[in-house]
């Protein structure tokens, strides 16, 4: 007896993403992006561990290091940069301040907000972890030319923008299913 192989439905309707009627390459691309994201997050975990910080604390510390100006950086600007909720960033900034790595100052132009900057210990922590970050980044991006990196950045930015609408559609469908 011959068993007919199951053929799952397409996961995308864009014909330009199909090859010979199959979405296999598209799905492989998605799986690769998810796997890559997981591995990048594992690297972030390792960087945080090197400083006895959580991954999100490390992201906030690095975000401050690279976004602060002479006054510091606001929580809102920092949250947008590190892609974490403002409430989570506020919590992590408090923890990092208690560890002596960050300093908060009142924002003179907006009394409702604060400017965050690295403390001297925070600067030392960044200097300590920088060689590991460089080593890992050099390894991760070996064989990837700047044009390919720019294309990846553009694709990632567009996926981030599109994800808001995609997730809104998921929520809408969930509400409709509940009646």
N, C-alpha and C. Protein backbone atom coordinates (compact mmCIF):
# COMPACT_ATOMS: atom_id res chain seq x y z
N UNK A 1 0.83 -1.17 0.00
CA UNK A 1 0.00 0.00 0.00
C UNK A 1 0.88 1.25 0.00
N UNK A 2 0.59 2.18 -0.85
CA UNK A 2 1.34 3.42 -0.99
C UNK A 2 0.72 4.50 -0.11
N UNK A 3 1.57 5.17 0.65
CA UNK A 3 1.10 6.25 1.52
C UNK A 3 1.47 7.57 0.86
N UNK A 4 0.50 8.44 0.74
CA UNK A 4 0.74 9.75 0.14
C UNK A 4 1.40 10.66 1.18
N UNK A 5 2.48 11.30 0.78
CA UNK A 5 3.20 12.20 1.68
C UNK A 5 2.36 13.44 1.96
N UNK A 6 2.37 13.86 3.20
CA UNK A 6 1.66 15.08 3.59
C UNK A 6 2.37 16.28 3.00
N UNK A 7 1.60 17.19 2.42
CA UNK A 7 2.16 18.43 1.89
C UNK A 7 1.53 19.57 2.68
N UNK A 8 2.31 20.18 3.57
CA UNK A 8 1.75 21.25 4.40
C UNK A 8 1.40 22.48 3.56
N UNK A 9 0.48 23.31 4.05
CA UNK A 9 0.12 24.52 3.32
C UNK A 9 1.29 25.51 3.32
N UNK A 10 1.27 26.42 2.37
CA UNK A 10 2.29 27.46 2.30
C UNK A 10 2.20 28.37 3.53
N UNK A 11 3.34 28.86 3.96
CA UNK A 11 3.37 29.76 5.11
C UNK A 11 3.50 31.22 4.70
N UNK A 12 3.54 31.47 3.40
CA UNK A 12 3.56 32.84 2.87
C UNK A 12 2.87 32.81 1.51
N UNK A 13 2.18 33.90 1.18
CA UNK A 13 1.46 33.94 -0.09
C UNK A 13 2.19 34.74 -1.16
N UNK A 14 3.31 35.33 -0.83
CA UNK A 14 4.05 36.12 -1.82
C UNK A 14 4.73 35.20 -2.82
N UNK A 15 4.31 35.30 -4.08
CA UNK A 15 4.88 34.44 -5.12
C UNK A 15 6.38 34.64 -5.30
N UNK A 16 6.86 35.87 -5.06
CA UNK A 16 8.29 36.13 -5.24
C UNK A 16 9.14 35.44 -4.16
N UNK A 17 8.52 34.92 -3.12
CA UNK A 17 9.24 34.17 -2.09
C UNK A 17 9.15 32.67 -2.29
N UNK A 18 8.42 32.25 -3.31
CA UNK A 18 8.25 30.82 -3.58
C UNK A 18 9.22 30.37 -4.65
N UNK A 19 9.72 29.16 -4.51
CA UNK A 19 10.58 28.54 -5.52
C UNK A 19 9.91 27.24 -5.93
N UNK A 20 9.53 27.16 -7.20
CA UNK A 20 8.83 25.97 -7.70
C UNK A 20 7.60 25.65 -6.85
N UNK A 21 6.88 26.69 -6.44
CA UNK A 21 5.66 26.51 -5.67
C UNK A 21 5.89 26.16 -4.21
N UNK A 22 7.13 26.19 -3.75
CA UNK A 22 7.46 25.81 -2.37
C UNK A 22 7.96 27.02 -1.58
N UNK A 23 7.61 27.06 -0.31
CA UNK A 23 8.10 28.12 0.58
C UNK A 23 9.27 27.63 1.45
N UNK A 24 9.88 26.55 1.04
CA UNK A 24 10.95 25.94 1.84
C UNK A 24 12.10 26.91 2.12
N UNK A 25 12.60 27.62 1.11
CA UNK A 25 13.71 28.56 1.33
C UNK A 25 13.29 29.69 2.27
N UNK A 26 12.05 30.14 2.13
CA UNK A 26 11.54 31.17 3.03
C UNK A 26 11.57 30.67 4.47
N UNK A 27 11.03 29.47 4.71
CA UNK A 27 11.00 28.90 6.06
C UNK A 27 12.41 28.68 6.59
N UNK A 28 13.32 28.21 5.74
CA UNK A 28 14.71 28.02 6.18
C UNK A 28 15.33 29.36 6.59
N UNK A 29 14.97 30.43 5.87
CA UNK A 29 15.47 31.76 6.23
C UNK A 29 14.96 32.18 7.60
N UNK A 30 13.67 31.95 7.85
CA UNK A 30 13.10 32.29 9.16
C UNK A 30 13.78 31.48 10.26
N UNK A 31 13.94 30.18 10.04
CA UNK A 31 14.60 29.33 11.05
C UNK A 31 16.02 29.82 11.31
N UNK A 32 16.73 30.21 10.26
CA UNK A 32 18.11 30.70 10.42
C UNK A 32 18.12 31.99 11.23
N UNK A 33 17.16 32.89 10.97
CA UNK A 33 17.10 34.15 11.73
C UNK A 33 16.81 33.88 13.20
N UNK A 34 15.90 32.96 13.48
CA UNK A 34 15.58 32.62 14.87
C UNK A 34 16.81 32.00 15.56
N UNK A 35 17.48 31.10 14.86
CA UNK A 35 18.68 30.47 15.42
C UNK A 35 19.77 31.52 15.67
N UNK A 36 19.94 32.42 14.73
CA UNK A 36 20.93 33.49 14.87
C UNK A 36 20.60 34.37 16.07
N UNK A 37 19.33 34.74 16.20
CA UNK A 37 18.92 35.57 17.33
C UNK A 37 19.22 34.87 18.65
N UNK A 38 18.92 33.60 18.73
CA UNK A 38 19.21 32.84 19.95
C UNK A 38 20.69 32.85 20.28
N UNK A 39 21.50 32.69 19.26
CA UNK A 39 22.95 32.66 19.51
C UNK A 39 23.49 34.04 19.89
N UNK A 40 22.95 35.09 19.26
CA UNK A 40 23.35 36.45 19.65
C UNK A 40 22.97 36.71 21.11
N UNK A 41 21.79 36.25 21.50
CA UNK A 41 21.38 36.42 22.90
C UNK A 41 22.27 35.62 23.84
N UNK A 42 22.74 34.46 23.40
CA UNK A 42 23.69 33.68 24.21
C UNK A 42 25.01 34.43 24.38
N UNK A 43 25.44 35.12 23.33
CA UNK A 43 26.65 35.95 23.44
C UNK A 43 26.42 37.08 24.44
N UNK A 44 25.24 37.71 24.37
CA UNK A 44 24.92 38.78 25.32
C UNK A 44 24.94 38.23 26.75
N UNK A 45 24.40 37.03 26.94
CA UNK A 45 24.46 36.39 28.26
C UNK A 45 25.90 36.24 28.73
N UNK A 46 26.77 35.79 27.82
CA UNK A 46 28.18 35.59 28.18
C UNK A 46 28.85 36.91 28.55
N UNK A 47 28.54 37.97 27.82
CA UNK A 47 29.11 39.28 28.14
C UNK A 47 28.64 39.73 29.52
N UNK A 48 27.35 39.56 29.79
CA UNK A 48 26.82 39.92 31.10
C UNK A 48 27.48 39.11 32.20
N UNK A 49 27.60 37.79 31.97
CA UNK A 49 28.23 36.92 32.97
C UNK A 49 29.65 37.36 33.27
N UNK A 50 30.37 37.84 32.26
CA UNK A 50 31.74 38.29 32.46
C UNK A 50 31.81 39.45 33.46
N UNK A 51 30.71 40.19 33.57
CA UNK A 51 30.65 41.33 34.49
C UNK A 51 29.76 41.04 35.70
N UNK A 52 29.34 39.78 35.86
CA UNK A 52 28.40 39.39 36.92
C UNK A 52 27.08 40.16 36.80
N UNK A 53 26.62 40.33 35.56
CA UNK A 53 25.36 41.01 35.26
C UNK A 53 24.45 40.07 34.49
N UNK A 54 23.16 40.38 34.49
CA UNK A 54 22.24 39.67 33.61
C UNK A 54 22.42 40.20 32.19
N UNK A 55 21.86 39.50 31.24
CA UNK A 55 21.95 39.94 29.84
C UNK A 55 21.31 41.30 29.65
N UNK A 56 20.15 41.53 30.27
CA UNK A 56 19.50 42.83 30.09
C UNK A 56 20.27 43.94 30.81
N UNK A 57 20.88 43.64 31.95
CA UNK A 57 21.72 44.65 32.61
C UNK A 57 22.91 44.99 31.73
N UNK A 58 23.50 43.98 31.10
CA UNK A 58 24.62 44.24 30.19
C UNK A 58 24.16 45.12 29.04
N UNK A 59 22.99 44.82 28.46
CA UNK A 59 22.49 45.61 27.33
C UNK A 59 22.28 47.07 27.75
N UNK A 60 21.74 47.28 28.94
CA UNK A 60 21.52 48.64 29.43
C UNK A 60 22.86 49.34 29.66
N UNK A 61 23.81 48.66 30.28
CA UNK A 61 25.13 49.26 30.54
C UNK A 61 25.80 49.66 29.23
N UNK A 62 25.81 48.75 28.26
CA UNK A 62 26.42 49.06 26.95
C UNK A 62 25.65 50.17 26.25
N UNK A 63 24.32 50.13 26.38
CA UNK A 63 23.51 51.19 25.77
C UNK A 63 23.86 52.55 26.32
N UNK A 64 24.04 52.63 27.63
CA UNK A 64 24.45 53.90 28.24
C UNK A 64 25.82 54.30 27.71
N UNK A 65 26.75 53.36 27.66
CA UNK A 65 28.12 53.66 27.21
C UNK A 65 28.13 54.27 25.82
N UNK A 66 27.29 53.77 24.94
CA UNK A 66 27.34 54.20 23.55
C UNK A 66 26.32 55.27 23.20
N UNK A 67 25.38 55.58 24.10
CA UNK A 67 24.38 56.60 23.82
C UNK A 67 24.52 57.85 24.67
N UNK A 68 25.27 57.76 25.77
CA UNK A 68 25.36 58.94 26.64
C UNK A 68 26.14 60.04 25.94
N UNK A 69 25.76 61.25 26.26
CA UNK A 69 26.55 62.41 25.85
C UNK A 69 27.04 63.06 27.14
N UNK A 70 27.43 64.31 27.08
CA UNK A 70 27.97 64.97 28.28
C UNK A 70 26.95 64.97 29.42
N UNK A 71 25.65 65.04 29.09
CA UNK A 71 24.60 65.05 30.12
C UNK A 71 24.18 63.65 30.54
N UNK A 72 24.41 62.67 29.69
CA UNK A 72 23.93 61.31 29.90
C UNK A 72 22.91 60.96 28.83
N UNK A 73 22.08 59.97 29.10
CA UNK A 73 21.03 59.54 28.17
C UNK A 73 19.75 59.37 28.98
N UNK A 74 18.61 59.71 28.40
CA UNK A 74 17.35 59.54 29.11
C UNK A 74 16.93 58.07 29.07
N UNK A 75 16.06 57.71 30.00
CA UNK A 75 15.53 56.34 30.04
C UNK A 75 14.80 56.03 28.73
N UNK A 76 14.03 56.99 28.26
CA UNK A 76 13.26 56.78 27.02
C UNK A 76 14.20 56.49 25.84
N UNK A 77 15.23 57.32 25.69
CA UNK A 77 16.20 57.11 24.60
C UNK A 77 16.91 55.77 24.75
N UNK A 78 17.27 55.45 25.97
CA UNK A 78 17.97 54.19 26.24
C UNK A 78 17.07 52.99 25.94
N UNK A 79 15.81 53.05 26.36
CA UNK A 79 14.86 51.96 26.12
C UNK A 79 14.68 51.73 24.63
N UNK A 80 14.57 52.80 23.86
CA UNK A 80 14.43 52.66 22.40
C UNK A 80 15.67 52.02 21.80
N UNK A 81 16.83 52.42 22.29
CA UNK A 81 18.09 51.91 21.75
C UNK A 81 18.29 50.42 22.04
N UNK A 82 17.99 50.00 23.27
CA UNK A 82 18.24 48.60 23.64
C UNK A 82 17.02 47.71 23.43
N UNK A 83 15.93 48.29 22.94
CA UNK A 83 14.70 47.55 22.61
C UNK A 83 14.14 46.80 23.82
N UNK A 84 14.09 47.50 24.94
CA UNK A 84 13.45 46.97 26.15
C UNK A 84 12.41 47.98 26.61
N UNK A 85 11.41 47.52 27.33
CA UNK A 85 10.37 48.40 27.85
C UNK A 85 10.99 49.42 28.81
N UNK A 86 10.47 50.64 28.78
CA UNK A 86 10.99 51.70 29.66
C UNK A 86 10.94 51.29 31.12
N UNK A 87 9.89 50.59 31.53
CA UNK A 87 9.79 50.15 32.93
C UNK A 87 10.91 49.17 33.27
N UNK A 88 11.23 48.29 32.34
CA UNK A 88 12.31 47.32 32.57
C UNK A 88 13.66 48.05 32.63
N UNK A 89 13.86 49.00 31.72
CA UNK A 89 15.11 49.77 31.72
C UNK A 89 15.24 50.54 33.03
N UNK A 90 14.15 51.14 33.49
CA UNK A 90 14.18 51.87 34.76
C UNK A 90 14.61 50.96 35.90
N UNK A 91 14.06 49.76 35.93
CA UNK A 91 14.43 48.78 36.97
C UNK A 91 15.90 48.42 36.88
N UNK A 92 16.37 48.14 35.66
CA UNK A 92 17.78 47.73 35.49
C UNK A 92 18.73 48.89 35.78
N UNK A 93 18.34 50.10 35.41
CA UNK A 93 19.18 51.27 35.73
C UNK A 93 19.31 51.38 37.25
N UNK A 94 18.22 51.19 37.98
CA UNK A 94 18.29 51.23 39.45
C UNK A 94 19.24 50.18 40.00
N UNK A 95 19.17 48.98 39.46
CA UNK A 95 20.06 47.90 39.92
C UNK A 95 21.52 48.23 39.60
N UNK A 96 21.76 48.74 38.40
CA UNK A 96 23.13 49.09 38.00
C UNK A 96 23.65 50.28 38.79
N UNK A 97 22.77 51.19 39.16
CA UNK A 97 23.17 52.31 40.00
C UNK A 97 23.56 51.79 41.39
N UNK A 98 22.79 50.86 41.93
CA UNK A 98 23.12 50.28 43.25
C UNK A 98 24.44 49.51 43.20
N UNK A 99 24.78 48.94 42.05
CA UNK A 99 26.06 48.24 41.89
C UNK A 99 27.21 49.22 41.68
N UNK A 100 26.89 50.51 41.55
CA UNK A 100 27.91 51.53 41.37
C UNK A 100 28.38 51.70 39.93
N UNK A 101 27.65 51.15 38.97
CA UNK A 101 28.07 51.22 37.56
C UNK A 101 27.45 52.38 36.80
N UNK A 102 26.33 52.89 37.28
CA UNK A 102 25.65 54.01 36.62
C UNK A 102 25.37 55.12 37.62
N UNK A 103 25.19 56.32 37.08
CA UNK A 103 24.83 57.50 37.87
C UNK A 103 23.59 58.11 37.22
N UNK A 104 22.61 58.48 38.07
CA UNK A 104 21.41 59.17 37.57
C UNK A 104 21.47 60.63 38.04
N UNK A 105 21.09 61.53 37.12
CA UNK A 105 21.01 62.95 37.45
C UNK A 105 19.67 63.48 36.95
N UNK A 106 19.11 64.42 37.68
CA UNK A 106 17.85 65.04 37.25
C UNK A 106 18.05 65.74 35.91
N UNK A 107 17.11 65.57 35.01
CA UNK A 107 17.13 66.25 33.71
C UNK A 107 16.66 67.69 33.96
N UNK A 108 17.56 68.66 33.79
CA UNK A 108 17.22 70.05 34.10
C UNK A 108 16.16 70.61 33.16
N UNK A 109 16.07 70.10 31.94
CA UNK A 109 15.07 70.61 30.99
C UNK A 109 13.72 69.90 31.12
N UNK A 110 13.68 68.77 31.82
CA UNK A 110 12.43 68.03 32.04
C UNK A 110 12.52 67.35 33.41
N UNK A 111 11.95 67.98 34.42
CA UNK A 111 12.07 67.50 35.80
C UNK A 111 11.47 66.11 35.99
N UNK A 112 10.66 65.63 35.04
CA UNK A 112 10.06 64.30 35.17
C UNK A 112 11.01 63.19 34.75
N UNK A 113 12.13 63.55 34.12
CA UNK A 113 13.04 62.51 33.63
C UNK A 113 14.43 62.69 34.22
N UNK A 114 15.24 61.66 34.02
CA UNK A 114 16.62 61.68 34.51
C UNK A 114 17.57 61.40 33.35
N UNK A 115 18.80 61.82 33.53
CA UNK A 115 19.88 61.46 32.62
C UNK A 115 20.72 60.40 33.32
N UNK A 116 21.07 59.38 32.56
CA UNK A 116 21.86 58.27 33.09
C UNK A 116 23.21 58.28 32.40
N UNK A 117 24.27 58.08 33.17
CA UNK A 117 25.61 57.99 32.58
C UNK A 117 26.42 56.94 33.35
N UNK A 118 27.53 56.55 32.74
CA UNK A 118 28.42 55.60 33.39
C UNK A 118 29.13 56.26 34.56
N UNK A 119 29.29 55.53 35.63
CA UNK A 119 30.15 55.96 36.74
C UNK A 119 31.58 55.56 36.36
N UNK A 120 32.57 56.00 37.12
CA UNK A 120 33.93 55.51 36.85
C UNK A 120 34.02 53.98 36.88
N UNK A 121 33.31 53.33 37.82
CA UNK A 121 33.31 51.86 37.84
C UNK A 121 32.63 51.29 36.59
N UNK A 122 31.60 51.97 36.11
CA UNK A 122 30.94 51.55 34.88
C UNK A 122 31.88 51.64 33.69
N UNK A 123 32.66 52.72 33.65
CA UNK A 123 33.65 52.87 32.57
C UNK A 123 34.67 51.74 32.63
N UNK A 124 35.10 51.38 33.85
CA UNK A 124 36.06 50.27 34.00
C UNK A 124 35.44 48.95 33.57
N UNK A 125 34.17 48.75 33.87
CA UNK A 125 33.49 47.51 33.47
C UNK A 125 33.43 47.40 31.95
N UNK A 126 33.12 48.50 31.28
CA UNK A 126 33.07 48.49 29.81
C UNK A 126 34.46 48.20 29.26
N UNK A 127 35.49 48.83 29.83
CA UNK A 127 36.86 48.58 29.37
C UNK A 127 37.24 47.11 29.60
N UNK A 128 36.76 46.51 30.68
CA UNK A 128 37.07 45.11 30.99
C UNK A 128 36.45 44.16 29.97
N UNK A 129 35.19 44.39 29.62
CA UNK A 129 34.47 43.45 28.75
C UNK A 129 34.73 43.71 27.26
N UNK A 130 35.22 44.88 26.92
CA UNK A 130 35.41 45.24 25.50
C UNK A 130 36.26 44.24 24.73
N UNK A 131 37.38 43.73 25.26
CA UNK A 131 38.15 42.75 24.49
C UNK A 131 37.36 41.48 24.16
N UNK A 132 36.54 41.01 25.10
CA UNK A 132 35.70 39.83 24.84
C UNK A 132 34.65 40.14 23.77
N UNK A 133 34.02 41.29 23.88
CA UNK A 133 33.01 41.69 22.89
C UNK A 133 33.64 41.78 21.51
N UNK A 134 34.82 42.40 21.43
CA UNK A 134 35.53 42.51 20.15
C UNK A 134 35.86 41.15 19.57
N UNK A 135 36.40 40.26 20.40
CA UNK A 135 36.76 38.91 19.96
C UNK A 135 35.55 38.18 19.40
N UNK A 136 34.45 38.22 20.14
CA UNK A 136 33.23 37.53 19.71
C UNK A 136 32.69 38.16 18.43
N UNK A 137 32.62 39.50 18.39
CA UNK A 137 32.10 40.16 17.18
C UNK A 137 32.98 39.88 15.97
N UNK A 138 34.29 39.91 16.15
CA UNK A 138 35.20 39.60 15.03
C UNK A 138 34.94 38.19 14.51
N UNK A 139 34.69 37.26 15.42
CA UNK A 139 34.41 35.88 15.03
C UNK A 139 33.04 35.76 14.37
N UNK A 140 32.03 36.37 14.97
CA UNK A 140 30.67 36.31 14.41
C UNK A 140 30.59 36.86 12.99
N UNK A 141 31.29 37.94 12.75
CA UNK A 141 31.15 38.63 11.47
C UNK A 141 32.27 38.34 10.48
N UNK A 142 33.07 37.31 10.79
CA UNK A 142 34.11 36.87 9.86
C UNK A 142 33.44 36.40 8.57
N UNK A 143 33.96 36.85 7.45
CA UNK A 143 33.43 36.43 6.15
C UNK A 143 32.18 37.18 5.72
N UNK A 144 31.75 38.16 6.50
CA UNK A 144 30.57 38.96 6.15
C UNK A 144 31.06 40.35 5.78
N UNK A 145 30.84 40.73 4.52
CA UNK A 145 31.33 42.04 4.10
C UNK A 145 30.38 43.14 4.57
N UNK A 146 30.87 44.39 4.61
CA UNK A 146 30.05 45.50 5.11
C UNK A 146 28.73 45.67 4.36
N UNK A 147 28.71 45.40 3.06
CA UNK A 147 27.46 45.53 2.30
C UNK A 147 26.44 44.51 2.77
N UNK A 148 26.88 43.29 3.04
CA UNK A 148 25.96 42.25 3.54
C UNK A 148 25.44 42.62 4.93
N UNK A 149 26.31 43.18 5.76
CA UNK A 149 25.89 43.61 7.09
C UNK A 149 24.85 44.72 6.98
N UNK A 150 25.06 45.66 6.08
CA UNK A 150 24.10 46.75 5.88
C UNK A 150 22.76 46.19 5.39
N UNK A 151 22.79 45.23 4.49
CA UNK A 151 21.55 44.60 4.03
C UNK A 151 20.84 43.91 5.19
N UNK A 152 21.60 43.19 6.01
CA UNK A 152 21.02 42.51 7.18
C UNK A 152 20.40 43.53 8.14
N UNK A 153 21.08 44.67 8.33
CA UNK A 153 20.55 45.72 9.21
C UNK A 153 19.24 46.26 8.67
N UNK A 154 19.19 46.50 7.35
CA UNK A 154 17.97 47.02 6.74
C UNK A 154 16.83 46.02 6.85
N UNK A 155 17.11 44.76 6.61
CA UNK A 155 16.08 43.72 6.73
C UNK A 155 15.59 43.65 8.17
N UNK A 156 16.51 43.66 9.13
CA UNK A 156 16.12 43.59 10.54
C UNK A 156 15.26 44.79 10.93
N UNK A 157 15.65 45.98 10.51
CA UNK A 157 14.87 47.19 10.83
C UNK A 157 13.46 47.09 10.24
N UNK A 158 13.35 46.60 9.00
CA UNK A 158 12.03 46.47 8.37
C UNK A 158 11.19 45.41 9.08
N UNK A 159 11.81 44.31 9.47
CA UNK A 159 11.08 43.28 10.22
C UNK A 159 10.58 43.83 11.55
N UNK A 160 11.38 44.65 12.20
CA UNK A 160 10.95 45.27 13.46
C UNK A 160 9.74 46.15 13.22
N UNK A 161 9.80 46.98 12.18
CA UNK A 161 8.66 47.85 11.85
C UNK A 161 7.42 47.03 11.51
N UNK A 162 7.58 46.01 10.67
CA UNK A 162 6.45 45.19 10.24
C UNK A 162 5.88 44.34 11.37
N UNK A 163 6.70 44.01 12.35
CA UNK A 163 6.24 43.12 13.42
C UNK A 163 5.12 43.75 14.24
N UNK A 164 5.11 45.06 14.38
CA UNK A 164 4.02 45.71 15.13
C UNK A 164 2.68 45.40 14.47
N UNK A 165 2.60 45.57 13.16
CA UNK A 165 1.36 45.28 12.43
C UNK A 165 1.05 43.79 12.44
N UNK A 166 2.06 42.96 12.27
CA UNK A 166 1.84 41.51 12.27
C UNK A 166 1.28 41.04 13.62
N UNK A 167 1.85 41.54 14.70
CA UNK A 167 1.37 41.15 16.04
C UNK A 167 -0.02 41.71 16.32
N UNK A 168 -0.32 42.89 15.77
CA UNK A 168 -1.68 43.43 15.91
C UNK A 168 -2.69 42.51 15.22
N UNK A 169 -2.31 41.94 14.08
CA UNK A 169 -3.20 41.00 13.38
C UNK A 169 -3.39 39.72 14.18
N UNK A 170 -2.34 39.26 14.84
CA UNK A 170 -2.45 38.07 15.70
C UNK A 170 -3.42 38.35 16.85
N UNK A 171 -3.26 39.51 17.50
CA UNK A 171 -4.14 39.86 18.62
C UNK A 171 -5.60 40.00 18.15
N UNK A 172 -5.79 40.62 16.98
CA UNK A 172 -7.14 40.79 16.43
C UNK A 172 -7.78 39.43 16.16
N UNK A 173 -7.03 38.52 15.58
CA UNK A 173 -7.56 37.18 15.29
C UNK A 173 -7.91 36.45 16.58
N UNK A 174 -7.08 36.62 17.59
CA UNK A 174 -7.34 35.97 18.88
C UNK A 174 -8.63 36.51 19.50
N UNK A 175 -8.84 37.84 19.43
CA UNK A 175 -10.07 38.43 19.95
C UNK A 175 -11.29 37.92 19.19
N UNK A 176 -11.16 37.84 17.87
CA UNK A 176 -12.27 37.37 17.03
C UNK A 176 -12.61 35.91 17.34
N UNK A 177 -11.60 35.11 17.63
CA UNK A 177 -11.83 33.69 17.93
C UNK A 177 -12.58 33.52 19.25
N UNK A 178 -12.35 34.44 20.18
CA UNK A 178 -13.04 34.38 21.47
C UNK A 178 -14.48 34.84 21.36
N UNK A 179 -14.78 35.57 20.27
CA UNK A 179 -16.16 36.00 20.03
C UNK A 179 -16.43 37.29 20.64
